All heavy atoms as atom14 arrays in JSON, in Angstrom:
{
  "sequence": "PAILRPGRFDKLIFIKPPDEDARAKIFKEYLEKVPKADNIDYK",
  "atom14_mask": [
    [1, 1, 1, 1, 1, 1, 1, 0, 0, 0, 0, 0, 0, 0],
    [1, 1, 1, 1, 1, 0, 0, 0, 0, 0, 0, 0, 0, 0],
    [1, 1, 1, 1, 1, 1, 1, 1, 0, 0, 0, 0, 0, 0],
    [1, 1, 1, 1, 1, 1, 1, 1, 0, 0, 0, 0, 0, 0],
    [1, 1, 1, 1, 1, 1, 1, 1, 1, 1, 1, 0, 0, 0],
    [1, 1, 1, 1, 1, 1, 1, 0, 0, 0, 0, 0, 0, 0],
    [1, 1, 1, 1, 0, 0, 0, 0, 0, 0, 0, 0, 0, 0],
    [1, 1, 1, 1, 1, 1, 1, 1, 1, 1, 1, 0, 0, 0],
    [1, 1, 1, 1, 1, 1, 1, 1, 1, 1, 1, 0, 0, 0],
    [1, 1, 1, 1, 1, 1, 1, 1, 0, 0, 0, 0, 0, 0],
    [1, 1, 1, 1, 1, 1, 1, 1, 1, 0, 0, 0, 0, 0],
    [1, 1, 1, 1, 1, 1, 1, 1, 0, 0, 0, 0, 0, 0],
    [1, 1, 1, 1, 1, 1, 1, 1, 0, 0, 0, 0, 0, 0],
    [1, 1, 1, 1, 1, 1, 1, 1, 1, 1, 1, 0, 0, 0],
    [1, 1, 1, 1, 1, 1, 1, 1, 0, 0, 0, 0, 0, 0],
    [1, 1, 1, 1, 1, 1, 1, 1, 1, 0, 0, 0, 0, 0],
    [1, 1, 1, 1, 1, 1, 1, 0, 0, 0, 0, 0, 0, 0],
    [1, 1, 1, 1, 1, 1, 1, 0, 0, 0, 0, 0, 0, 0],
    [1, 1, 1, 1, 1, 1, 1, 1, 0, 0, 0, 0, 0, 0],
    [1, 1, 1, 1, 1, 1, 1, 1, 1, 0, 0, 0, 0, 0],
    [1, 1, 1, 1, 1, 1, 1, 1, 0, 0, 0, 0, 0, 0],
    [1, 1, 1, 1, 1, 0, 0, 0, 0, 0, 0, 0, 0, 0],
    [1, 1, 1, 1, 1, 1, 1, 1, 1, 1, 1, 0, 0, 0],
    [1, 1, 1, 1, 1, 0, 0, 0, 0, 0, 0, 0, 0, 0],
    [1, 1, 1, 1, 1, 1, 1, 1, 1, 0, 0, 0, 0, 0],
    [1, 1, 1, 1, 1, 1, 1, 1, 0, 0, 0, 0, 0, 0],
    [1, 1, 1, 1, 1, 1, 1, 1, 1, 1, 1, 0, 0, 0],
    [1, 1, 1, 1, 1, 1, 1, 1, 1, 0, 0, 0, 0, 0],
    [1, 1, 1, 1, 1, 1, 1, 1, 1, 0, 0, 0, 0, 0],
    [1, 1, 1, 1, 1, 1, 1, 1, 1, 1, 1, 1, 0, 0],
    [1, 1, 1, 1, 1, 1, 1, 1, 0, 0, 0, 0, 0, 0],
    [1, 1, 1, 1, 1, 1, 1, 1, 1, 0, 0, 0, 0, 0],
    [1, 1, 1, 1, 1, 1, 1, 1, 1, 0, 0, 0, 0, 0],
    [1, 1, 1, 1, 1, 1, 1, 0, 0, 0, 0, 0, 0, 0],
    [1, 1, 1, 1, 1, 1, 1, 0, 0, 0, 0, 0, 0, 0],
    [1, 1, 1, 1, 1, 1, 1, 1, 1, 0, 0, 0, 0, 0],
    [1, 1, 1, 1, 1, 0, 0, 0, 0, 0, 0, 0, 0, 0],
    [1, 1, 1, 1, 1, 1, 1, 1, 0, 0, 0, 0, 0, 0],
    [1, 1, 1, 1, 1, 1, 1, 1, 0, 0, 0, 0, 0, 0],
    [1, 1, 1, 1, 1, 1, 1, 1, 0, 0, 0, 0, 0, 0],
    [1, 1, 1, 1, 1, 1, 1, 1, 0, 0, 0, 0, 0, 0],
    [1, 1, 1, 1, 1, 1, 1, 1, 1, 1, 1, 1, 0, 0],
    [1, 1, 1, 1, 1, 1, 1, 1, 1, 0, 0, 0, 0, 0]
  ],
  "atom14_positions": [
    [[93.81, 73.19, -71.7], [94.92, 73.11, -70.72], [95.17, 74.45, -70.05], [95.51, 74.57, -68.85], [96.2, 72.77, -71.47], [95.64, 71.99, -72.79], [94.32, 72.63, -73.04], [0.0, 0.0, 0.0], [0.0, 0.0, 0.0], [0.0, 0.0, 0.0], [0.0, 0.0, 0.0], [0.0, 0.0, 0.0], [0.0, 0.0, 0.0], [0.0, 0.0, 0.0]],
    [[94.65, 75.55, -70.71], [94.95, 76.81, -70.03], [93.96, 76.92, -68.79], [94.43, 77.81, -67.82], [94.58, 77.97, -71.01], [0.0, 0.0, 0.0], [0.0, 0.0, 0.0], [0.0, 0.0, 0.0], [0.0, 0.0, 0.0], [0.0, 0.0, 0.0], [0.0, 0.0, 0.0], [0.0, 0.0, 0.0], [0.0, 0.0, 0.0], [0.0, 0.0, 0.0]],
    [[92.89, 76.22, -68.66], [92.04, 76.4, -67.64], [92.75, 75.74, -66.31], [92.3, 75.96, -65.19], [90.69, 75.76, -67.91], [89.61, 76.32, -67.01], [90.71, 74.22, -67.74], [88.28, 76.18, -67.5], [0.0, 0.0, 0.0], [0.0, 0.0, 0.0], [0.0, 0.0, 0.0], [0.0, 0.0, 0.0], [0.0, 0.0, 0.0], [0.0, 0.0, 0.0]],
    [[93.73, 75.0, -66.56], [94.43, 74.23, -65.41], [95.71, 74.93, -64.93], [96.31, 74.52, -64.05], [94.78, 72.81, -65.92], [93.73, 71.97, -66.33], [94.13, 70.69, -66.86], [92.76, 71.69, -65.22], [0.0, 0.0, 0.0], [0.0, 0.0, 0.0], [0.0, 0.0, 0.0], [0.0, 0.0, 0.0], [0.0, 0.0, 0.0], [0.0, 0.0, 0.0]],
    [[95.96, 76.22, -65.42], [96.96, 77.03, -64.94], [96.76, 77.41, -63.47], [95.51, 77.49, -63.17], [97.19, 78.2, -65.79], [97.81, 77.92, -67.2], [98.2, 79.15, -67.86], [98.19, 78.91, -69.35], [97.66, 79.64, -70.27], [97.05, 80.81, -69.86], [97.73, 79.34, -71.45], [0.0, 0.0, 0.0], [0.0, 0.0, 0.0], [0.0, 0.0, 0.0]],
    [[97.81, 77.71, -62.77], [97.66, 78.06, -61.35], [96.68, 79.41, -61.24], [96.76, 80.23, -62.08], [99.08, 78.56, -60.87], [99.97, 77.57, -61.77], [99.23, 77.52, -63.16], [0.0, 0.0, 0.0], [0.0, 0.0, 0.0], [0.0, 0.0, 0.0], [0.0, 0.0, 0.0], [0.0, 0.0, 0.0], [0.0, 0.0, 0.0], [0.0, 0.0, 0.0]],
    [[95.8, 79.42, -60.32], [95.0, 80.5, -60.05], [93.48, 80.28, -60.63], [92.66, 80.97, -60.29], [0.0, 0.0, 0.0], [0.0, 0.0, 0.0], [0.0, 0.0, 0.0], [0.0, 0.0, 0.0], [0.0, 0.0, 0.0], [0.0, 0.0, 0.0], [0.0, 0.0, 0.0], [0.0, 0.0, 0.0], [0.0, 0.0, 0.0], [0.0, 0.0, 0.0]],
    [[93.36, 79.22, -61.43], [92.16, 78.94, -61.96], [91.48, 77.9, -61.21], [90.58, 78.06, -60.47], [92.24, 78.65, -63.46], [92.72, 79.89, -64.21], [92.72, 79.51, -65.76], [92.99, 80.87, -66.53], [94.19, 81.29, -66.71], [95.24, 80.66, -66.37], [94.34, 82.43, -67.44], [0.0, 0.0, 0.0], [0.0, 0.0, 0.0], [0.0, 0.0, 0.0]],
    [[92.02, 76.65, -61.41], [91.57, 75.61, -60.41], [92.69, 75.23, -59.66], [93.72, 74.62, -59.98], [91.17, 74.31, -61.33], [89.8, 74.4, -61.95], [89.71, 74.59, -63.3], [88.66, 74.18, -61.23], [88.48, 74.83, -63.96], [87.48, 74.33, -61.92], [87.3, 74.61, -63.22], [0.0, 0.0, 0.0], [0.0, 0.0, 0.0], [0.0, 0.0, 0.0]],
    [[92.64, 75.71, -58.28], [93.7, 75.5, -57.33], [93.87, 73.92, -56.99], [95.09, 73.64, -56.8], [93.44, 76.28, -56.14], [93.61, 77.75, -56.39], [94.24, 78.17, -57.3], [93.03, 78.54, -55.62], [0.0, 0.0, 0.0], [0.0, 0.0, 0.0], [0.0, 0.0, 0.0], [0.0, 0.0, 0.0], [0.0, 0.0, 0.0], [0.0, 0.0, 0.0]],
    [[92.96, 73.17, -57.07], [93.01, 71.78, -56.59], [92.42, 70.84, -57.67], [91.3, 71.07, -58.07], [92.32, 71.45, -55.21], [93.1, 72.17, -54.13], [94.32, 71.51, -53.81], [95.11, 72.16, -52.61], [96.47, 71.72, -52.54], [0.0, 0.0, 0.0], [0.0, 0.0, 0.0], [0.0, 0.0, 0.0], [0.0, 0.0, 0.0], [0.0, 0.0, 0.0]],
    [[93.13, 69.92, -58.03], [92.64, 68.77, -58.74], [92.79, 67.47, -57.99], [93.87, 67.1, -57.69], [93.41, 68.58, -60.18], [93.29, 69.65, -61.14], [94.21, 69.42, -62.29], [91.85, 70.0, -61.69], [0.0, 0.0, 0.0], [0.0, 0.0, 0.0], [0.0, 0.0, 0.0], [0.0, 0.0, 0.0], [0.0, 0.0, 0.0], [0.0, 0.0, 0.0]],
    [[91.57, 66.85, -57.72], [91.63, 65.78, -56.93], [90.84, 64.57, -57.43], [89.68, 64.89, -57.91], [91.03, 65.97, -55.44], [91.83, 67.08, -54.82], [91.04, 64.79, -54.64], [91.08, 67.68, -53.62], [0.0, 0.0, 0.0], [0.0, 0.0, 0.0], [0.0, 0.0, 0.0], [0.0, 0.0, 0.0], [0.0, 0.0, 0.0], [0.0, 0.0, 0.0]],
    [[91.59, 63.43, -57.68], [90.85, 62.33, -58.29], [90.42, 61.4, -57.19], [91.11, 60.96, -56.41], [91.85, 61.52, -59.25], [91.17, 60.31, -59.85], [90.3, 60.35, -60.77], [91.7, 59.0, -59.37], [89.67, 59.2, -61.22], [91.12, 57.87, -59.84], [90.08, 57.92, -60.82], [0.0, 0.0, 0.0], [0.0, 0.0, 0.0], [0.0, 0.0, 0.0]],
    [[89.09, 61.11, -57.26], [88.49, 60.21, -56.26], [87.9, 59.1, -57.07], [86.85, 59.3, -57.82], [87.41, 60.91, -55.4], [88.12, 62.08, -54.69], [86.73, 59.98, -54.45], [87.15, 63.02, -53.92], [0.0, 0.0, 0.0], [0.0, 0.0, 0.0], [0.0, 0.0, 0.0], [0.0, 0.0, 0.0], [0.0, 0.0, 0.0], [0.0, 0.0, 0.0]],
    [[88.49, 57.92, -56.97], [87.87, 56.82, -57.74], [86.5, 56.35, -57.19], [86.39, 56.54, -55.97], [88.86, 55.75, -57.86], [89.31, 55.12, -56.54], [90.43, 54.04, -56.8], [90.96, 53.58, -55.48], [91.85, 52.52, -55.53], [0.0, 0.0, 0.0], [0.0, 0.0, 0.0], [0.0, 0.0, 0.0], [0.0, 0.0, 0.0], [0.0, 0.0, 0.0]],
    [[85.74, 55.56, -57.88], [84.52, 55.03, -57.4], [84.81, 54.06, -56.2], [85.8, 53.47, -56.18], [83.85, 54.44, -58.61], [84.56, 54.96, -59.65], [85.9, 55.34, -59.33], [0.0, 0.0, 0.0], [0.0, 0.0, 0.0], [0.0, 0.0, 0.0], [0.0, 0.0, 0.0], [0.0, 0.0, 0.0], [0.0, 0.0, 0.0], [0.0, 0.0, 0.0]],
    [[83.76, 53.99, -55.34], [83.99, 53.08, -54.25], [84.2, 51.61, -54.62], [83.6, 51.19, -55.62], [82.65, 53.29, -53.39], [81.71, 53.71, -54.29], [82.45, 54.55, -55.33], [0.0, 0.0, 0.0], [0.0, 0.0, 0.0], [0.0, 0.0, 0.0], [0.0, 0.0, 0.0], [0.0, 0.0, 0.0], [0.0, 0.0, 0.0], [0.0, 0.0, 0.0]],
    [[85.07, 50.89, -53.81], [85.15, 49.57, -54.21], [83.94, 48.69, -53.56], [83.07, 49.31, -53.01], [86.4, 48.93, -53.5], [86.5, 49.03, -52.02], [85.43, 49.24, -51.3], [87.63, 48.86, -51.47], [0.0, 0.0, 0.0], [0.0, 0.0, 0.0], [0.0, 0.0, 0.0], [0.0, 0.0, 0.0], [0.0, 0.0, 0.0], [0.0, 0.0, 0.0]],
    [[83.97, 47.42, -53.69], [82.75, 46.61, -53.42], [82.42, 46.8, -51.96], [81.25, 46.85, -51.53], [83.13, 45.19, -53.71], [81.83, 44.34, -53.67], [81.98, 42.93, -54.22], [82.4, 42.72, -55.41], [81.79, 41.89, -53.46], [0.0, 0.0, 0.0], [0.0, 0.0, 0.0], [0.0, 0.0, 0.0], [0.0, 0.0, 0.0], [0.0, 0.0, 0.0]],
    [[83.44, 46.64, -50.92], [83.12, 46.84, -49.55], [82.53, 48.19, -49.24], [81.45, 48.3, -48.47], [84.31, 46.65, -48.75], [84.8, 45.18, -48.71], [84.04, 44.32, -48.91], [86.03, 44.93, -48.41], [0.0, 0.0, 0.0], [0.0, 0.0, 0.0], [0.0, 0.0, 0.0], [0.0, 0.0, 0.0], [0.0, 0.0, 0.0], [0.0, 0.0, 0.0]],
    [[83.06, 49.2, -49.89], [82.5, 50.59, -49.6], [81.06, 50.75, -50.11], [80.21, 51.44, -49.57], [83.48, 51.5, -50.35], [0.0, 0.0, 0.0], [0.0, 0.0, 0.0], [0.0, 0.0, 0.0], [0.0, 0.0, 0.0], [0.0, 0.0, 0.0], [0.0, 0.0, 0.0], [0.0, 0.0, 0.0], [0.0, 0.0, 0.0], [0.0, 0.0, 0.0]],
    [[80.85, 50.09, -51.33], [79.47, 50.11, -51.93], [78.46, 49.52, -50.95], [77.39, 50.03, -50.79], [79.4, 49.59, -53.29], [80.22, 50.4, -54.26], [79.92, 49.9, -55.76], [80.09, 48.5, -56.04], [81.22, 47.93, -56.31], [82.33, 48.78, -56.5], [81.36, 46.76, -56.56], [0.0, 0.0, 0.0], [0.0, 0.0, 0.0], [0.0, 0.0, 0.0]],
    [[78.86, 48.45, -50.39], [78.01, 47.65, -49.43], [77.65, 48.6, -48.24], [76.53, 48.72, -47.86], [78.56, 46.32, -48.96], [0.0, 0.0, 0.0], [0.0, 0.0, 0.0], [0.0, 0.0, 0.0], [0.0, 0.0, 0.0], [0.0, 0.0, 0.0], [0.0, 0.0, 0.0], [0.0, 0.0, 0.0], [0.0, 0.0, 0.0], [0.0, 0.0, 0.0]],
    [[78.8, 49.29, -47.77], [78.52, 50.12, -46.6], [77.73, 51.36, -46.95], [76.83, 51.77, -46.11], [79.84, 50.63, -46.03], [80.77, 49.58, -45.39], [82.09, 50.07, -45.01], [82.95, 49.0, -44.38], [84.4, 49.36, -44.16], [0.0, 0.0, 0.0], [0.0, 0.0, 0.0], [0.0, 0.0, 0.0], [0.0, 0.0, 0.0], [0.0, 0.0, 0.0]],
    [[77.75, 51.88, -48.1], [76.93, 52.99, -48.65], [75.54, 52.54, -48.62], [74.65, 53.23, -48.1], [77.46, 53.53, -49.92], [78.8, 54.22, -49.81], [76.51, 54.49, -50.54], [79.46, 54.47, -51.11], [0.0, 0.0, 0.0], [0.0, 0.0, 0.0], [0.0, 0.0, 0.0], [0.0, 0.0, 0.0], [0.0, 0.0, 0.0], [0.0, 0.0, 0.0]],
    [[75.17, 51.46, -49.23], [73.86, 50.98, -49.21], [73.39, 50.87, -47.78], [72.25, 51.19, -47.51], [73.75, 49.59, -49.98], [73.59, 49.7, -51.46], [74.55, 49.37, -52.3], [72.34, 50.08, -51.96], [74.44, 49.38, -53.61], [72.14, 50.14, -53.23], [73.21, 49.83, -54.23], [0.0, 0.0, 0.0], [0.0, 0.0, 0.0], [0.0, 0.0, 0.0]],
    [[74.15, 50.28, -46.9], [73.71, 50.01, -45.55], [73.47, 51.33, -44.85], [72.46, 51.49, -44.17], [74.74, 49.2, -44.77], [74.34, 48.6, -43.41], [75.43, 47.71, -42.91], [74.65, 46.78, -41.94], [75.61, 45.68, -41.51], [0.0, 0.0, 0.0], [0.0, 0.0, 0.0], [0.0, 0.0, 0.0], [0.0, 0.0, 0.0], [0.0, 0.0, 0.0]],
    [[74.25, 52.32, -44.98], [73.98, 53.71, -44.5], [72.82, 54.38, -44.98], [72.02, 54.87, -44.14], [75.37, 54.43, -44.69], [75.15, 55.92, -44.26], [75.33, 56.03, -42.67], [75.93, 55.1, -42.18], [74.72, 56.92, -42.2], [0.0, 0.0, 0.0], [0.0, 0.0, 0.0], [0.0, 0.0, 0.0], [0.0, 0.0, 0.0], [0.0, 0.0, 0.0]],
    [[72.5, 54.35, -46.25], [71.43, 54.94, -46.73], [70.1, 54.22, -46.52], [69.09, 54.87, -46.58], [71.55, 55.25, -48.35], [72.35, 56.49, -48.59], [73.64, 56.44, -48.83], [71.74, 57.7, -48.55], [74.38, 57.61, -49.14], [72.42, 58.91, -48.85], [73.8, 58.71, -49.03], [74.53, 59.86, -49.33], [0.0, 0.0, 0.0], [0.0, 0.0, 0.0]],
    [[70.16, 52.99, -46.12], [68.98, 52.26, -45.81], [68.8, 51.98, -44.41], [67.87, 51.29, -44.0], [68.95, 50.93, -46.59], [68.84, 51.04, -48.05], [69.07, 49.65, -48.86], [67.67, 51.72, -48.6], [0.0, 0.0, 0.0], [0.0, 0.0, 0.0], [0.0, 0.0, 0.0], [0.0, 0.0, 0.0], [0.0, 0.0, 0.0], [0.0, 0.0, 0.0]],
    [[69.77, 52.55, -43.6], [69.73, 52.25, -42.1], [68.42, 52.55, -41.42], [67.9, 51.77, -40.68], [70.84, 53.03, -41.52], [71.14, 52.61, -40.01], [72.27, 53.35, -39.39], [72.51, 54.48, -39.88], [72.84, 52.82, -38.5], [0.0, 0.0, 0.0], [0.0, 0.0, 0.0], [0.0, 0.0, 0.0], [0.0, 0.0, 0.0], [0.0, 0.0, 0.0]],
    [[67.88, 53.69, -41.56], [66.71, 54.14, -40.75], [65.47, 54.05, -41.41], [64.48, 54.74, -41.06], [67.05, 55.55, -40.28], [68.23, 55.74, -39.39], [68.39, 57.15, -39.06], [69.77, 57.2, -38.17], [70.08, 58.61, -37.83], [0.0, 0.0, 0.0], [0.0, 0.0, 0.0], [0.0, 0.0, 0.0], [0.0, 0.0, 0.0], [0.0, 0.0, 0.0]],
    [[65.23, 53.13, -42.32], [63.96, 52.95, -42.98], [63.59, 51.52, -42.9], [64.36, 50.62, -42.75], [64.08, 53.22, -44.52], [64.41, 54.76, -44.82], [65.01, 52.38, -45.26], [0.0, 0.0, 0.0], [0.0, 0.0, 0.0], [0.0, 0.0, 0.0], [0.0, 0.0, 0.0], [0.0, 0.0, 0.0], [0.0, 0.0, 0.0], [0.0, 0.0, 0.0]],
    [[62.17, 51.3, -42.92], [61.72, 49.97, -42.83], [62.15, 49.24, -44.04], [62.06, 49.7, -45.21], [60.2, 50.08, -42.79], [60.0, 51.45, -42.57], [61.08, 52.27, -42.9], [0.0, 0.0, 0.0], [0.0, 0.0, 0.0], [0.0, 0.0, 0.0], [0.0, 0.0, 0.0], [0.0, 0.0, 0.0], [0.0, 0.0, 0.0], [0.0, 0.0, 0.0]],
    [[62.73, 47.94, -43.91], [63.26, 47.19, -45.0], [63.01, 45.72, -44.82], [62.86, 45.24, -43.66], [64.7, 47.5, -45.35], [65.64, 47.21, -44.15], [66.93, 47.95, -44.5], [67.82, 48.17, -43.23], [67.26, 49.04, -42.17], [0.0, 0.0, 0.0], [0.0, 0.0, 0.0], [0.0, 0.0, 0.0], [0.0, 0.0, 0.0], [0.0, 0.0, 0.0]],
    [[62.87, 45.03, -45.95], [62.64, 43.52, -45.83], [63.93, 42.92, -45.24], [65.05, 43.49, -45.39], [62.31, 43.05, -47.35], [0.0, 0.0, 0.0], [0.0, 0.0, 0.0], [0.0, 0.0, 0.0], [0.0, 0.0, 0.0], [0.0, 0.0, 0.0], [0.0, 0.0, 0.0], [0.0, 0.0, 0.0], [0.0, 0.0, 0.0], [0.0, 0.0, 0.0]],
    [[63.71, 41.76, -44.69], [64.79, 40.96, -44.14], [65.82, 40.43, -45.12], [66.89, 39.97, -44.84], [64.24, 39.83, -43.27], [63.41, 40.28, -42.11], [63.75, 41.42, -41.61], [62.51, 39.66, -41.55], [0.0, 0.0, 0.0], [0.0, 0.0, 0.0], [0.0, 0.0, 0.0], [0.0, 0.0, 0.0], [0.0, 0.0, 0.0], [0.0, 0.0, 0.0]],
    [[65.41, 40.43, -46.45], [66.24, 39.71, -47.48], [67.25, 40.8, -48.13], [67.85, 40.43, -49.2], [65.41, 39.09, -48.41], [64.57, 40.02, -49.38], [64.38, 41.13, -49.06], [64.15, 39.49, -50.47], [0.0, 0.0, 0.0], [0.0, 0.0, 0.0], [0.0, 0.0, 0.0], [0.0, 0.0, 0.0], [0.0, 0.0, 0.0], [0.0, 0.0, 0.0]],
    [[67.42, 41.89, -47.59], [68.41, 42.91, -48.22], [69.73, 42.31, -48.12], [70.28, 41.98, -47.06], [68.25, 44.22, -47.58], [66.92, 44.94, -47.59], [69.32, 45.23, -48.22], [66.27, 45.18, -49.05], [0.0, 0.0, 0.0], [0.0, 0.0, 0.0], [0.0, 0.0, 0.0], [0.0, 0.0, 0.0], [0.0, 0.0, 0.0], [0.0, 0.0, 0.0]],
    [[70.33, 42.09, -49.26], [71.72, 41.48, -49.39], [72.66, 42.56, -49.88], [72.8, 42.9, -51.05], [71.7, 40.39, -50.43], [73.06, 39.87, -50.65], [74.05, 40.0, -49.9], [73.12, 38.91, -51.62], [0.0, 0.0, 0.0], [0.0, 0.0, 0.0], [0.0, 0.0, 0.0], [0.0, 0.0, 0.0], [0.0, 0.0, 0.0], [0.0, 0.0, 0.0]],
    [[73.25, 43.26, -48.85], [74.17, 44.35, -49.11], [75.42, 43.83, -49.88], [75.8, 44.65, -50.91], [74.69, 44.96, -47.89], [73.51, 45.57, -47.06], [73.05, 45.03, -45.73], [72.96, 46.86, -47.5], [72.18, 45.53, -45.05], [71.9, 47.32, -46.7], [71.47, 46.64, -45.66], [70.37, 47.15, -44.9], [0.0, 0.0, 0.0], [0.0, 0.0, 0.0]],
    [[75.99, 42.77, -49.77], [77.1, 42.24, -50.56], [76.6, 41.97, -51.96], [77.33, 42.48, -52.81], [77.62, 40.91, -49.88], [78.8, 40.46, -50.67], [79.36, 39.21, -50.08], [80.49, 38.59, -50.58], [81.27, 39.2, -51.54], [0.0, 0.0, 0.0], [0.0, 0.0, 0.0], [0.0, 0.0, 0.0], [0.0, 0.0, 0.0], [0.0, 0.0, 0.0]]
  ]
}
């Protein structure tokens, strides 16, 4: 707990994993500019 005192780590931010819609968008974004088969099912 001492490591969490002021001046050590100034910000603690919790970012939860992406939900289903966000995961589909991430796949779409990372595969956007590459040749891909027509059967890619992002959902």
